[in-house]
Amino acid sequence: MSNSFSEIILFQVKPDKIEEFEMLIRTIQAEQEKLPGCTSVKYMKRFYTFDGVENGSPPRELTKIIKCVKYYSYLEFDTIENCGKANGWFFDTYAKEVMKLLIMPFDINSGYSI
């Protein structure tokens, strides 16, 4: 979508809270998809890395959890205003519950899609 507004969030989840986080995110995602102006909602769990891999080779699977498990969300909206409303909805509805599962506050990056 041209000139859409996107938001990427990094969640650093406590290793003992992974299952709880994934259950909660499934609920949140289903609700986010219904928000006004939301055109796309995706979540990703970091399983692989390119560290120590030869150029052109596939990434290697992560084998152990050091401090946390990283998850990313990618949300896309038709306008910056609808993104702001959705962000407010998230903070009002789920932020406290999500924060209990993280090692540190989540990091939000946003901007217009290219």
Protein backbone atom coordinates (compact mmCIF):
# COMPACT_ATOMS: atom_id res chain seq x y z
CA MET A 1 0.00 0.00 0.00
CA SER A 2 1.52 3.33 -1.07
CA ASN A 3 2.07 5.94 1.66
CA SER A 4 0.75 3.70 4.39
CA PHE A 5 1.96 4.27 7.94
CA SER A 6 3.83 1.43 9.63
CA GLU A 7 4.85 0.55 13.15
CA ILE A 8 7.47 -2.01 14.15
CA ILE A 9 7.72 -3.13 17.77
CA LEU A 10 10.51 -5.16 19.38
CA PHE A 11 9.50 -7.29 22.36
CA GLN A 12 12.26 -8.90 24.46
CA VAL A 13 10.44 -11.69 26.28
CA LYS A 14 11.61 -13.38 29.48
CA PRO A 15 12.57 -17.00 28.69
CA ASP A 16 10.09 -18.40 31.21
CA LYS A 17 7.22 -16.29 29.78
CA ILE A 18 7.38 -17.37 26.12
CA GLU A 19 4.25 -19.52 26.12
CA GLU A 20 2.22 -16.88 27.96
CA PHE A 21 3.45 -14.16 25.58
CA GLU A 22 2.57 -16.17 22.47
CA MET A 23 -0.93 -16.90 23.76
CA LEU A 24 -1.49 -13.23 24.56
CA ILE A 25 -0.12 -12.08 21.19
CA ARG A 26 -2.55 -14.35 19.32
CA THR A 27 -5.42 -12.60 21.11
CA ILE A 28 -3.96 -9.14 20.52
CA GLN A 29 -3.31 -9.85 16.83
CA ALA A 30 -6.90 -10.97 16.22
CA GLU A 31 -8.15 -7.74 17.76
CA GLN A 32 -5.59 -5.54 15.96
CA GLU A 33 -6.71 -6.91 12.58
CA LYS A 34 -10.19 -5.46 13.26
CA LEU A 35 -9.00 -1.96 14.18
CA PRO A 36 -10.07 0.89 11.85
CA GLY A 37 -7.53 1.49 9.08
CA CYS A 38 -5.39 -1.54 9.89
CA THR A 39 -4.26 -3.17 6.65
CA SER A 40 -1.69 -5.67 7.94
CA VAL A 41 -0.60 -7.24 11.22
CA LYS A 42 2.32 -9.65 11.45
CA TYR A 43 4.36 -11.07 14.30
CA MET A 44 7.70 -12.83 14.08
CA LYS A 45 9.72 -14.81 16.61
CA ARG A 46 13.45 -14.60 16.01
CA PHE A 47 14.65 -18.18 15.37
CA TYR A 48 17.62 -17.62 13.06
CA THR A 49 20.72 -15.47 12.66
CA PHE A 50 23.20 -14.74 9.90
CA ASP A 51 26.06 -14.38 12.42
CA GLY A 52 28.89 -16.77 11.52
CA VAL A 53 27.27 -17.80 8.21
CA GLU A 54 29.05 -17.65 4.85
CA ASN A 55 27.75 -15.02 2.45
CA GLY A 56 24.96 -16.51 0.34
CA SER A 57 24.20 -19.34 2.76
CA PRO A 58 20.93 -19.65 4.66
CA PRO A 59 20.79 -18.37 8.24
CA ARG A 60 21.58 -20.74 11.06
CA GLU A 61 19.10 -21.68 13.75
CA LEU A 62 19.59 -20.21 17.22
CA THR A 63 20.46 -22.99 19.66
CA LYS A 64 20.09 -21.40 23.10
CA ILE A 65 18.43 -18.50 24.87
CA ILE A 66 20.94 -16.12 26.41
CA LYS A 67 18.85 -13.35 28.02
CA CYS A 68 15.52 -13.17 26.20
CA VAL A 69 13.58 -14.25 23.12
CA LYS A 70 12.99 -11.47 20.61
CA TYR A 71 9.66 -10.99 18.88
CA TYR A 72 8.81 -8.33 16.33
CA SER A 73 5.44 -7.00 15.27
CA TYR A 74 4.80 -5.20 12.01
CA LEU A 75 1.56 -3.24 11.72
CA GLU A 76 0.48 -1.22 8.72
CA PHE A 77 -2.28 1.41 8.66
CA ASP A 78 -3.93 3.52 6.01
CA THR A 79 -3.20 6.78 7.91
CA ILE A 80 -0.97 8.07 10.69
CA GLU A 81 -4.12 8.98 12.65
CA ASN A 82 -5.41 5.39 12.62
CA CYS A 83 -1.98 4.18 13.73
CA GLY A 84 -2.12 6.61 16.65
CA LYS A 85 -5.58 5.40 17.65
CA ALA A 86 -4.46 1.77 17.44
CA ASN A 87 -1.39 2.55 19.52
CA GLY A 88 -3.58 4.21 22.15
CA TRP A 89 -5.89 1.18 22.13
CA PHE A 90 -2.90 -1.14 22.68
CA PHE A 91 -1.58 0.91 25.61
CA ASP A 92 -5.02 1.20 27.21
CA THR A 93 -5.89 -2.48 26.74
CA TYR A 94 -2.74 -4.62 26.82
CA ALA A 95 0.45 -2.69 27.61
CA LYS A 96 0.56 -3.50 31.33
CA GLU A 97 -0.11 -7.19 30.71
CA VAL A 98 2.57 -7.38 28.01
CA MET A 99 5.14 -5.46 30.07
CA LYS A 100 5.03 -8.11 32.81
CA LEU A 101 6.39 -10.65 30.30
CA LEU A 102 9.35 -8.55 29.08
CA ILE A 103 12.87 -7.97 30.37
CA MET A 104 12.62 -4.30 29.39
CA PRO A 105 10.04 -1.94 27.83
CA PHE A 106 9.24 -2.67 24.20
CA ASP A 107 10.78 -0.49 21.50
CA ILE A 108 8.44 1.15 18.96
CA ASN A 109 9.60 2.49 15.59
CA SER A 110 7.18 4.06 13.13
CA GLY A 111 7.09 5.88 9.85
CA TYR A 112 5.63 6.05 6.37
CA SER A 113 6.17 3.00 4.18
CA ILE A 114 8.35 3.45 1.13
